[in-house]
Amino acid sequence: MDPLNIIVALNIIAIFGANIGAAKKGVRSHIGETRERPKGFFQTVPPLLATLLLVMLIIAVFQVGTLTDYAKWHPYRLAGLIVYLISSWTQVALYKQLGDNYSQDIVIFKKHKLVQEGIYKYIRHPYYLFQILSDLGAAAATLSFLVLPLALIEIPILIKRALIEEGLLKKHFPEQFKQYREKAGFFLPFIG
């Protein structure tokens, strides 16, 4: 197996272990007390797409659905690997920073708080930003022509999902969210 693919595979295992807490919180959001949980496409499809991306990435680690000339693309693969590793571990830090406010669903809990510390001070939806970067980085690292189209399809879906979340935050934290929106960017600092 290719050395960069081994690193990707090890990271998948490590991230899976680190995300056990997130999975437990996801279960809590289904059985916990919520103020509001919208239903529909943007509630169900992004987690399914993320699962499909993970399966395709695991397949790509074994060089199925990938370009074959790894040596020619080594600098791009290395850059993709670095983006993938940094982005995937940033996501772990972000969900931990959200604490009890984290959910895999679009939801407002009864004890929900508007998090504005750490990277959330500058970006309102960094988790989605780093999800996109992680998936694009993984596609580049493995040269997967199965992961890349899914990662590109994911971008507008996550942007729309973030907009739905913004609507809920605006509804449940009107003044606080208005002030937050003025100082923090949508996906990038100070933009949007």
N, C-alpha and C. Protein backbone atom coordinates (compact mmCIF):
# COMPACT_ATOMS: atom_id res chain seq x y z
N MET A 1 0.85 -1.18 0.00
CA MET A 1 0.00 0.00 0.00
C MET A 1 0.90 1.25 0.00
N ASP A 2 0.45 2.27 -0.66
CA ASP A 2 1.17 3.53 -0.76
C ASP A 2 1.30 4.20 0.61
N PRO A 3 2.47 4.81 0.93
CA PRO A 3 2.67 5.43 2.25
C PRO A 3 1.66 6.53 2.59
N LEU A 4 1.31 7.36 1.62
CA LEU A 4 0.32 8.42 1.90
C LEU A 4 -1.05 7.81 2.19
N ASN A 5 -1.38 6.74 1.49
CA ASN A 5 -2.66 6.07 1.75
C ASN A 5 -2.67 5.42 3.13
N ILE A 6 -1.52 4.94 3.58
CA ILE A 6 -1.43 4.38 4.93
C ILE A 6 -1.72 5.47 5.96
N ILE A 7 -1.17 6.66 5.74
CA ILE A 7 -1.42 7.77 6.66
C ILE A 7 -2.90 8.14 6.65
N VAL A 8 -3.52 8.16 5.47
CA VAL A 8 -4.96 8.44 5.38
C VAL A 8 -5.74 7.38 6.15
N ALA A 9 -5.38 6.11 5.96
CA ALA A 9 -6.09 5.02 6.65
C ALA A 9 -5.94 5.13 8.16
N LEU A 10 -4.73 5.42 8.63
CA LEU A 10 -4.52 5.58 10.07
C LEU A 10 -5.31 6.77 10.61
N ASN A 11 -5.40 7.82 9.83
CA ASN A 11 -6.17 8.99 10.27
C ASN A 11 -7.66 8.66 10.34
N ILE A 12 -8.15 7.89 9.40
CA ILE A 12 -9.56 7.48 9.44
C ILE A 12 -9.85 6.75 10.74
N ILE A 13 -8.97 5.83 11.11
CA ILE A 13 -9.15 5.07 12.35
C ILE A 13 -9.09 5.99 13.57
N ALA A 14 -8.10 6.87 13.59
CA ALA A 14 -7.94 7.79 14.74
C ALA A 14 -9.11 8.75 14.85
N ILE A 15 -9.55 9.29 13.73
CA ILE A 15 -10.69 10.22 13.74
C ILE A 15 -11.96 9.50 14.19
N PHE A 16 -12.12 8.27 13.73
CA PHE A 16 -13.29 7.49 14.15
C PHE A 16 -13.31 7.35 15.67
N GLY A 17 -12.15 7.04 16.25
CA GLY A 17 -12.06 6.93 17.71
C GLY A 17 -12.32 8.26 18.40
N ALA A 18 -11.80 9.33 17.84
CA ALA A 18 -11.98 10.65 18.44
C ALA A 18 -13.42 11.14 18.33
N ASN A 19 -14.15 10.63 17.35
CA ASN A 19 -15.53 11.08 17.13
C ASN A 19 -16.58 10.23 17.85
N ILE A 20 -16.16 9.32 18.68
CA ILE A 20 -17.13 8.52 19.44
C ILE A 20 -18.01 9.43 20.28
N GLY A 21 -17.41 10.45 20.88
CA GLY A 21 -18.19 11.40 21.68
C GLY A 21 -19.21 12.14 20.84
N ALA A 22 -18.85 12.48 19.61
CA ALA A 22 -19.79 13.16 18.72
C ALA A 22 -20.95 12.24 18.37
N ALA A 23 -20.67 10.98 18.18
CA ALA A 23 -21.73 10.02 17.86
C ALA A 23 -22.71 9.90 19.03
N LYS A 24 -22.17 9.89 20.25
CA LYS A 24 -23.05 9.83 21.43
C LYS A 24 -23.92 11.07 21.51
N LYS A 25 -23.33 12.23 21.20
CA LYS A 25 -24.12 13.47 21.22
C LYS A 25 -25.18 13.44 20.13
N GLY A 26 -24.88 12.80 19.00
CA GLY A 26 -25.87 12.67 17.94
C GLY A 26 -27.07 11.87 18.40
N VAL A 27 -26.82 10.81 19.15
CA VAL A 27 -27.92 10.02 19.71
C VAL A 27 -28.70 10.87 20.70
N ARG A 28 -27.99 11.66 21.52
CA ARG A 28 -28.66 12.51 22.50
C ARG A 28 -29.60 13.50 21.81
N SER A 29 -29.20 14.00 20.63
CA SER A 29 -30.05 14.98 19.95
C SER A 29 -31.34 14.35 19.45
N HIS A 30 -31.35 13.02 19.29
CA HIS A 30 -32.58 12.34 18.87
C HIS A 30 -33.51 12.06 20.05
N ILE A 31 -32.93 11.90 21.24
CA ILE A 31 -33.76 11.56 22.39
C ILE A 31 -33.83 12.69 23.41
N GLY A 32 -32.99 13.71 23.24
CA GLY A 32 -32.94 14.82 24.19
C GLY A 32 -34.06 15.83 23.98
N GLU A 33 -34.10 16.76 24.90
CA GLU A 33 -35.12 17.80 24.84
C GLU A 33 -34.67 18.90 23.89
N THR A 34 -35.48 19.14 22.88
CA THR A 34 -35.15 20.16 21.89
C THR A 34 -36.25 21.20 21.83
N ARG A 35 -35.85 22.41 21.43
CA ARG A 35 -36.83 23.46 21.17
C ARG A 35 -37.37 23.34 19.75
N GLU A 36 -36.44 23.06 18.82
CA GLU A 36 -36.85 22.99 17.42
C GLU A 36 -35.88 22.09 16.65
N ARG A 37 -36.47 21.26 15.79
CA ARG A 37 -35.70 20.38 14.91
C ARG A 37 -36.45 20.32 13.58
N PRO A 38 -35.97 21.05 12.57
CA PRO A 38 -36.63 20.99 11.27
C PRO A 38 -36.48 19.61 10.64
N LYS A 39 -37.37 19.28 9.75
CA LYS A 39 -37.30 18.01 9.04
C LYS A 39 -37.00 18.30 7.57
N GLY A 40 -36.55 17.27 6.87
CA GLY A 40 -36.38 17.42 5.45
C GLY A 40 -35.01 17.04 4.93
N PHE A 41 -34.80 17.35 3.66
CA PHE A 41 -33.61 17.00 2.89
C PHE A 41 -32.32 17.39 3.60
N PHE A 42 -32.22 18.62 4.08
CA PHE A 42 -30.99 19.12 4.65
C PHE A 42 -30.74 18.60 6.06
N GLN A 43 -31.70 17.91 6.60
CA GLN A 43 -31.52 17.25 7.89
C GLN A 43 -30.95 15.84 7.69
N THR A 44 -31.39 15.17 6.64
CA THR A 44 -31.03 13.76 6.46
C THR A 44 -29.91 13.51 5.44
N VAL A 45 -29.88 14.27 4.36
CA VAL A 45 -28.94 13.98 3.28
C VAL A 45 -27.47 14.25 3.65
N PRO A 46 -27.12 15.38 4.29
CA PRO A 46 -25.70 15.60 4.59
C PRO A 46 -25.04 14.49 5.41
N PRO A 47 -25.67 13.96 6.46
CA PRO A 47 -25.02 12.84 7.16
C PRO A 47 -24.87 11.59 6.29
N LEU A 48 -25.86 11.34 5.42
CA LEU A 48 -25.75 10.19 4.51
C LEU A 48 -24.63 10.41 3.49
N LEU A 49 -24.52 11.64 3.00
CA LEU A 49 -23.45 11.97 2.07
C LEU A 49 -22.08 11.84 2.74
N ALA A 50 -21.98 12.27 4.00
CA ALA A 50 -20.72 12.14 4.75
C ALA A 50 -20.35 10.67 4.92
N THR A 51 -21.34 9.83 5.16
CA THR A 51 -21.09 8.39 5.30
C THR A 51 -20.62 7.80 3.97
N LEU A 52 -21.27 8.20 2.89
CA LEU A 52 -20.87 7.72 1.57
C LEU A 52 -19.45 8.19 1.23
N LEU A 53 -19.13 9.43 1.57
CA LEU A 53 -17.78 9.94 1.36
C LEU A 53 -16.75 9.12 2.14
N LEU A 54 -17.07 8.77 3.36
CA LEU A 54 -16.16 7.96 4.17
C LEU A 54 -15.95 6.59 3.54
N VAL A 55 -17.01 5.96 3.08
CA VAL A 55 -16.89 4.65 2.43
C VAL A 55 -16.03 4.76 1.17
N MET A 56 -16.27 5.79 0.37
CA MET A 56 -15.48 5.98 -0.85
C MET A 56 -14.01 6.26 -0.52
N LEU A 57 -13.76 6.98 0.57
CA LEU A 57 -12.38 7.24 0.98
C LEU A 57 -11.69 5.96 1.42
N ILE A 58 -12.39 5.13 2.15
CA ILE A 58 -11.82 3.84 2.57
C ILE A 58 -11.49 3.00 1.33
N ILE A 59 -12.38 3.00 0.35
CA ILE A 59 -12.13 2.27 -0.90
C ILE A 59 -10.91 2.87 -1.62
N ALA A 60 -10.81 4.20 -1.62
CA ALA A 60 -9.69 4.88 -2.30
C ALA A 60 -8.35 4.56 -1.65
N VAL A 61 -8.35 4.32 -0.35
CA VAL A 61 -7.10 3.95 0.33
C VAL A 61 -6.50 2.68 -0.28
N PHE A 62 -7.37 1.81 -0.78
CA PHE A 62 -6.92 0.58 -1.41
C PHE A 62 -6.75 0.74 -2.93
N GLN A 63 -6.65 2.00 -3.35
CA GLN A 63 -6.40 2.37 -4.74
C GLN A 63 -7.47 1.87 -5.71
N VAL A 64 -8.70 1.88 -5.25
CA VAL A 64 -9.85 1.57 -6.10
C VAL A 64 -10.53 2.90 -6.38
N GLY A 65 -10.77 3.19 -7.64
CA GLY A 65 -11.40 4.45 -8.01
C GLY A 65 -10.44 5.63 -7.92
N THR A 66 -9.16 5.36 -8.17
CA THR A 66 -8.15 6.42 -8.08
C THR A 66 -7.33 6.47 -9.38
N LEU A 67 -6.69 7.61 -9.59
CA LEU A 67 -5.72 7.70 -10.67
C LEU A 67 -4.53 6.82 -10.32
N THR A 68 -3.83 6.34 -11.31
CA THR A 68 -2.79 5.35 -11.03
C THR A 68 -1.38 5.91 -10.96
N ASP A 69 -1.10 7.03 -11.57
CA ASP A 69 0.26 7.56 -11.62
C ASP A 69 0.55 8.40 -10.38
N TYR A 70 0.74 7.73 -9.24
CA TYR A 70 0.92 8.43 -7.97
C TYR A 70 2.18 9.30 -7.95
N ALA A 71 3.26 8.84 -8.55
CA ALA A 71 4.52 9.58 -8.52
C ALA A 71 4.39 10.95 -9.20
N LYS A 72 3.68 10.98 -10.30
CA LYS A 72 3.50 12.23 -11.05
C LYS A 72 2.76 13.28 -10.22
N TRP A 73 1.86 12.85 -9.39
CA TRP A 73 0.99 13.75 -8.62
C TRP A 73 1.44 13.92 -7.17
N HIS A 74 2.62 13.44 -6.81
CA HIS A 74 3.06 13.42 -5.41
C HIS A 74 2.95 14.78 -4.70
N PRO A 75 3.39 15.92 -5.28
CA PRO A 75 3.27 17.20 -4.55
C PRO A 75 1.82 17.56 -4.24
N TYR A 76 0.91 17.27 -5.17
CA TYR A 76 -0.51 17.56 -4.95
C TYR A 76 -1.10 16.63 -3.90
N ARG A 77 -0.68 15.38 -3.95
CA ARG A 77 -1.16 14.42 -2.96
C ARG A 77 -0.68 14.81 -1.56
N LEU A 78 0.57 15.23 -1.47
CA LEU A 78 1.13 15.65 -0.18
C LEU A 78 0.38 16.88 0.35
N ALA A 79 0.12 17.85 -0.52
CA ALA A 79 -0.64 19.03 -0.11
C ALA A 79 -2.05 18.63 0.33
N GLY A 80 -2.68 17.72 -0.42
CA GLY A 80 -4.01 17.23 -0.05
C GLY A 80 -4.00 16.52 1.29
N LEU A 81 -2.95 15.73 1.53
CA LEU A 81 -2.84 15.01 2.81
C LEU A 81 -2.72 15.99 3.97
N ILE A 82 -1.93 17.02 3.80
CA ILE A 82 -1.77 18.02 4.86
C ILE A 82 -3.09 18.72 5.14
N VAL A 83 -3.81 19.11 4.08
CA VAL A 83 -5.12 19.76 4.26
C VAL A 83 -6.09 18.79 4.94
N TYR A 84 -6.09 17.54 4.49
CA TYR A 84 -6.97 16.52 5.07
C TYR A 84 -6.70 16.32 6.56
N LEU A 85 -5.44 16.16 6.93
CA LEU A 85 -5.09 15.91 8.34
C LEU A 85 -5.46 17.11 9.22
N ILE A 86 -5.06 18.30 8.80
CA ILE A 86 -5.35 19.50 9.60
C ILE A 86 -6.85 19.71 9.72
N SER A 87 -7.57 19.57 8.61
CA SER A 87 -9.02 19.82 8.61
C SER A 87 -9.77 18.79 9.44
N SER A 88 -9.40 17.54 9.33
CA SER A 88 -10.14 16.51 10.07
C SER A 88 -9.93 16.66 11.58
N TRP A 89 -8.72 17.02 11.99
CA TRP A 89 -8.48 17.19 13.43
C TRP A 89 -9.04 18.52 13.93
N THR A 90 -9.14 19.49 13.06
CA THR A 90 -9.79 20.76 13.45
C THR A 90 -11.26 20.50 13.72
N GLN A 91 -11.88 19.64 12.92
CA GLN A 91 -13.28 19.30 13.16
C GLN A 91 -13.48 18.66 14.53
N VAL A 92 -12.58 17.80 14.92
CA VAL A 92 -12.67 17.18 16.25
C VAL A 92 -12.63 18.27 17.32
N ALA A 93 -11.69 19.20 17.18
CA ALA A 93 -11.58 20.30 18.15
C ALA A 93 -12.84 21.16 18.15
N LEU A 94 -13.43 21.36 16.97
CA LEU A 94 -14.62 22.21 16.87
C LEU A 94 -15.83 21.58 17.54
N TYR A 95 -16.03 20.29 17.34
CA TYR A 95 -17.20 19.69 17.99
C TYR A 95 -17.01 19.65 19.50
N LYS A 96 -15.77 19.50 19.95
CA LYS A 96 -15.52 19.55 21.40
C LYS A 96 -15.76 20.96 21.94
N GLN A 97 -15.41 21.96 21.14
CA GLN A 97 -15.64 23.34 21.55
C GLN A 97 -17.13 23.65 21.67
N LEU A 98 -17.94 23.05 20.82
CA LEU A 98 -19.39 23.25 20.90
C LEU A 98 -19.99 22.60 22.14
N GLY A 99 -19.33 21.58 22.64
CA GLY A 99 -19.81 20.93 23.86
C GLY A 99 -21.21 20.38 23.71
N ASP A 100 -22.08 20.72 24.65
CA ASP A 100 -23.46 20.21 24.65
C ASP A 100 -24.31 20.81 23.54
N ASN A 101 -23.80 21.79 22.82
CA ASN A 101 -24.54 22.38 21.71
C ASN A 101 -24.34 21.61 20.41
N TYR A 102 -23.38 20.67 20.39
CA TYR A 102 -23.10 19.92 19.16
C TYR A 102 -24.19 18.89 18.89
N SER A 103 -24.54 18.78 17.64
CA SER A 103 -25.43 17.74 17.18
C SER A 103 -25.15 17.47 15.71
N GLN A 104 -25.36 16.25 15.28
CA GLN A 104 -25.23 15.94 13.86
C GLN A 104 -26.47 16.42 13.11
N ASP A 105 -27.50 16.75 13.86
CA ASP A 105 -28.74 17.26 13.27
C ASP A 105 -28.77 18.78 13.35
N ILE A 106 -29.65 19.35 12.56
CA ILE A 106 -29.96 20.77 12.71
C ILE A 106 -30.98 20.83 13.84
N VAL A 107 -30.57 21.39 14.97
CA VAL A 107 -31.43 21.36 16.15
C VAL A 107 -31.08 22.50 17.09
N ILE A 108 -32.09 22.97 17.80
CA ILE A 108 -31.88 23.91 18.90
C ILE A 108 -32.35 23.19 20.16
N PHE A 109 -31.42 22.98 21.09
CA PHE A 109 -31.75 22.31 22.35
C PHE A 109 -32.42 23.31 23.30
N LYS A 110 -33.11 22.78 24.29
CA LYS A 110 -33.74 23.66 25.29
C LYS A 110 -32.70 24.47 26.04
N LYS A 111 -31.52 23.91 26.27
CA LYS A 111 -30.46 24.63 26.99
C LYS A 111 -29.37 25.10 26.02
N HIS A 112 -29.75 25.36 24.81
CA HIS A 112 -28.80 25.75 23.76
C HIS A 112 -28.19 27.12 24.04
N LYS A 113 -26.91 27.25 23.71
CA LYS A 113 -26.20 28.53 23.85
C LYS A 113 -25.56 28.85 22.52
N LEU A 114 -25.43 30.13 22.23
CA LEU A 114 -24.77 30.58 21.02
C LEU A 114 -23.27 30.66 21.31
N VAL A 115 -22.50 29.73 20.73
CA VAL A 115 -21.06 29.67 20.97
C VAL A 115 -20.36 30.72 20.12
N GLN A 116 -19.54 31.55 20.77
CA GLN A 116 -18.84 32.62 20.08
C GLN A 116 -17.38 32.70 20.52
N GLU A 117 -16.84 31.61 21.01
CA GLU A 117 -15.45 31.59 21.47
C GLU A 117 -14.60 30.80 20.48
N GLY A 118 -13.28 30.94 20.64
CA GLY A 118 -12.35 30.22 19.78
C GLY A 118 -12.53 30.65 18.33
N ILE A 119 -12.48 29.69 17.44
CA ILE A 119 -12.63 30.00 16.02
C ILE A 119 -14.04 30.51 15.69
N TYR A 120 -15.01 30.15 16.54
CA TYR A 120 -16.38 30.62 16.35
C TYR A 120 -16.49 32.14 16.54
N LYS A 121 -15.50 32.72 17.13
CA LYS A 121 -15.46 34.18 17.28
C LYS A 121 -15.31 34.85 15.92
N TYR A 122 -14.69 34.15 14.97
CA TYR A 122 -14.38 34.72 13.66
C TYR A 122 -15.20 34.11 12.52
N ILE A 123 -15.63 32.86 12.69
CA ILE A 123 -16.37 32.14 11.65
C ILE A 123 -17.60 31.49 12.28
N ARG A 124 -18.77 31.70 11.68
CA ARG A 124 -20.00 31.15 12.25
C ARG A 124 -20.18 29.65 11.96
N HIS A 125 -19.63 29.17 10.86
CA HIS A 125 -19.81 27.76 10.49
C HIS A 125 -18.48 27.09 10.13
N PRO A 126 -17.52 27.11 11.05
CA PRO A 126 -16.22 26.51 10.71
C PRO A 126 -16.27 25.00 10.54
N TYR A 127 -17.21 24.34 11.21
CA TYR A 127 -17.28 22.88 11.09
C TYR A 127 -17.53 22.48 9.64
N TYR A 128 -18.47 23.16 9.00
CA TYR A 128 -18.77 22.85 7.60
C TYR A 128 -17.60 23.22 6.69
N LEU A 129 -16.97 24.34 6.96
CA LEU A 129 -15.80 24.74 6.18
C LEU A 129 -14.72 23.66 6.24
N PHE A 130 -14.43 23.18 7.44
CA PHE A 130 -13.38 22.17 7.58
C PHE A 130 -13.83 20.79 7.10
N GLN A 131 -15.13 20.55 7.06
CA GLN A 131 -15.63 19.31 6.45
C GLN A 131 -15.35 19.32 4.95
N ILE A 132 -15.63 20.45 4.32
CA ILE A 132 -15.37 20.59 2.89
C ILE A 132 -13.88 20.45 2.60
N LEU A 133 -13.05 21.17 3.37
CA LEU A 133 -11.60 21.10 3.17
C LEU A 133 -11.06 19.69 3.41
N SER A 134 -11.59 19.03 4.42
CA SER A 134 -11.16 17.67 4.73
C SER A 134 -11.46 16.72 3.57
N ASP A 135 -12.66 16.81 3.03
CA ASP A 135 -13.05 15.92 1.94
C ASP A 135 -12.30 16.22 0.65
N LEU A 136 -12.10 17.51 0.34
CA LEU A 136 -11.30 17.86 -0.84
C LEU A 136 -9.84 17.43 -0.66
N GLY A 137 -9.31 17.63 0.55
CA GLY A 137 -7.94 17.19 0.83
C GLY A 137 -7.80 15.68 0.71
N ALA A 138 -8.79 14.95 1.20
CA ALA A 138 -8.76 13.48 1.11
C ALA A 138 -8.81 13.03 -0.34
N ALA A 139 -9.63 13.70 -1.14
CA ALA A 139 -9.71 13.37 -2.57
C ALA A 139 -8.37 13.58 -3.25
N ALA A 140 -7.70 14.69 -2.92
CA ALA A 140 -6.39 14.97 -3.51
C ALA A 140 -5.33 14.00 -3.00
N ALA A 141 -5.37 13.68 -1.72
CA ALA A 141 -4.36 12.79 -1.14
C ALA A 141 -4.42 11.39 -1.73
N THR A 142 -5.62 10.93 -2.05
CA THR A 142 -5.77 9.58 -2.58
C THR A 142 -5.93 9.56 -4.09
N LEU A 143 -6.04 10.74 -4.71
CA LEU A 143 -6.32 10.88 -6.15
C LEU A 143 -7.59 10.14 -6.54
N SER A 144 -8.60 10.23 -5.66
CA SER A 144 -9.84 9.50 -5.87
C SER A 144 -10.81 10.27 -6.77
N PHE A 145 -11.19 9.64 -7.86
CA PHE A 145 -12.22 10.23 -8.70
C PHE A 145 -13.61 9.78 -8.26
N LEU A 146 -13.69 9.08 -7.13
CA LEU A 146 -14.97 8.76 -6.50
C LEU A 146 -15.28 9.76 -5.38
N VAL A 147 -14.25 10.14 -4.62
CA VAL A 147 -14.43 11.07 -3.50
C VAL A 147 -14.63 12.50 -4.01
N LEU A 148 -13.88 12.90 -5.01
CA LEU A 148 -13.92 14.30 -5.47
C LEU A 148 -15.31 14.76 -5.90
N PRO A 149 -16.04 14.03 -6.76
CA PRO A 149 -17.37 14.53 -7.14
C PRO A 149 -18.33 14.64 -5.95
N LEU A 150 -18.23 13.68 -5.02
CA LEU A 150 -19.09 13.75 -3.84
C LEU A 150 -18.74 14.96 -2.98
N ALA A 151 -17.44 15.24 -2.86
CA ALA A 151 -17.01 16.41 -2.09
C ALA A 151 -17.51 17.70 -2.74
N LEU A 152 -17.51 17.75 -4.06
CA LEU A 152 -18.00 18.94 -4.76
C LEU A 152 -19.52 19.08 -4.63
N ILE A 153 -20.23 17.97 -4.68
CA ILE A 153 -21.69 17.99 -4.49
C ILE A 153 -22.02 18.46 -3.08
N GLU A 154 -21.18 18.09 -2.14
CA GLU A 154 -21.40 18.42 -0.73
C GLU A 154 -21.35 19.93 -0.46
N ILE A 155 -20.58 20.67 -1.22
CA ILE A 155 -20.37 22.10 -0.94
C ILE A 155 -21.68 22.89 -0.91
N PRO A 156 -22.49 22.89 -1.98
CA PRO A 156 -23.74 23.68 -1.90
C PRO A 156 -24.72 23.15 -0.86
N ILE A 157 -24.67 21.85 -0.61
CA ILE A 157 -25.57 21.25 0.39
C ILE A 157 -25.21 21.77 1.78
N LEU A 158 -23.92 21.81 2.10
CA LEU A 158 -23.50 22.30 3.42
C LEU A 158 -23.72 23.81 3.56
N ILE A 159 -23.58 24.54 2.47
CA ILE A 159 -23.87 25.98 2.53
C ILE A 159 -25.35 26.20 2.83
N LYS A 160 -26.22 25.47 2.16
CA LYS A 160 -27.67 25.61 2.42
C LYS A 160 -28.00 25.15 3.84
N ARG A 161 -27.38 24.09 4.30
CA ARG A 161 -27.61 23.61 5.67
C ARG A 161 -27.20 24.68 6.68
N ALA A 162 -26.06 25.34 6.43
CA ALA A 162 -25.60 26.42 7.32
C ALA A 162 -26.61 27.56 7.33
N LEU A 163 -27.19 27.87 6.18
CA LEU A 163 -28.19 28.94 6.10
C LEU A 163 -29.45 28.57 6.90
N ILE A 164 -29.83 27.32 6.88
CA ILE A 164 -30.97 26.86 7.69
C ILE A 164 -30.65 27.02 9.17
N GLU A 165 -29.44 26.63 9.56
CA GLU A 165 -29.02 26.80 10.95
C GLU A 165 -29.04 28.28 11.35
N GLU A 166 -28.60 29.13 10.43
CA GLU A 166 -28.61 30.57 10.72
C GLU A 166 -30.04 31.05 11.00
N GLY A 167 -30.99 30.55 10.23
CA GLY A 167 -32.38 30.92 10.45
C GLY A 167 -32.86 30.53 11.84
N LEU A 168 -32.47 29.35 12.28
CA LEU A 168 -32.85 28.90 13.63
C LEU A 168 -32.17 29.74 14.71
N LEU A 169 -30.89 30.04 14.52
CA LEU A 169 -30.18 30.85 15.51
C LEU A 169 -30.76 32.26 15.58
N LYS A 170 -31.11 32.79 14.43
CA LYS A 170 -31.72 34.13 14.38
C LYS A 170 -33.08 34.13 15.10
N LYS A 171 -33.82 33.05 14.93
CA LYS A 171 -35.14 32.93 15.56
C LYS A 171 -35.04 32.78 17.08
N HIS A 172 -34.08 31.98 17.55
CA HIS A 172 -34.00 31.67 18.98
C HIS A 172 -33.07 32.59 19.76
N PHE A 173 -32.17 33.28 19.08
CA PHE A 173 -31.24 34.22 19.72
C PHE A 173 -31.22 35.52 18.90
N PRO A 174 -32.35 36.21 18.76
CA PRO A 174 -32.43 37.33 17.80
C PRO A 174 -31.37 38.42 17.97
N GLU A 175 -31.29 39.02 19.13
CA GLU A 175 -30.33 40.11 19.33
C GLU A 175 -28.89 39.60 19.38
N GLN A 176 -28.69 38.53 20.10
CA GLN A 176 -27.35 37.96 20.26
C GLN A 176 -26.79 37.52 18.90
N PHE A 177 -27.64 36.88 18.08
CA PHE A 177 -27.18 36.42 16.78
C PHE A 177 -26.92 37.59 15.84
N LYS A 178 -27.72 38.63 15.92
CA LYS A 178 -27.52 39.81 15.08
C LYS A 178 -26.14 40.42 15.35
N GLN A 179 -25.78 40.56 16.61
CA GLN A 179 -24.47 41.11 16.97
C GLN A 179 -23.34 40.16 16.55
N TYR A 180 -23.56 38.87 16.74
CA TYR A 180 -22.57 37.87 16.36
C TYR A 180 -22.33 37.90 14.85
N ARG A 181 -23.40 37.99 14.09
CA ARG A 181 -23.31 38.00 12.63
C ARG A 181 -22.52 39.20 12.12
N GLU A 182 -22.58 40.31 12.82
CA GLU A 182 -21.87 41.52 12.40
C GLU A 182 -20.35 41.39 12.56
N LYS A 183 -19.91 40.53 13.47
CA LYS A 183 -18.47 40.43 13.71
C LYS A 183 -17.83 39.13 13.23
N ALA A 184 -18.63 38.11 12.91
CA ALA A 184 -18.08 36.83 12.47
C ALA A 184 -18.54 36.53 11.06
N GLY A 185 -17.62 36.03 10.23
CA GLY A 185 -17.96 35.68 8.85
C GLY A 185 -18.72 34.37 8.75
N PHE A 186 -19.33 34.16 7.61
CA PHE A 186 -20.13 32.96 7.38
C PHE A 186 -19.25 31.71 7.34
N PHE A 187 -18.39 31.60 6.33
CA PHE A 187 -17.43 30.48 6.22
C PHE A 187 -15.99 30.96 6.33
N LEU A 188 -15.78 32.23 6.10
CA LEU A 188 -14.44 32.83 6.17
C LEU A 188 -14.50 34.03 7.10
N PRO A 189 -13.43 34.31 7.82
CA PRO A 189 -13.45 35.46 8.74
C PRO A 189 -13.83 36.75 8.03
N PHE A 190 -14.75 37.49 8.64
CA PHE A 190 -15.15 38.83 8.22
C PHE A 190 -15.86 38.89 6.87
N ILE A 191 -16.19 37.74 6.27
CA ILE A 191 -16.89 37.72 4.98
C ILE A 191 -18.22 37.03 5.15
N GLY A 192 -19.29 37.73 4.82
CA GLY A 192 -20.63 37.17 4.87
C GLY A 192 -21.26 37.30 6.20
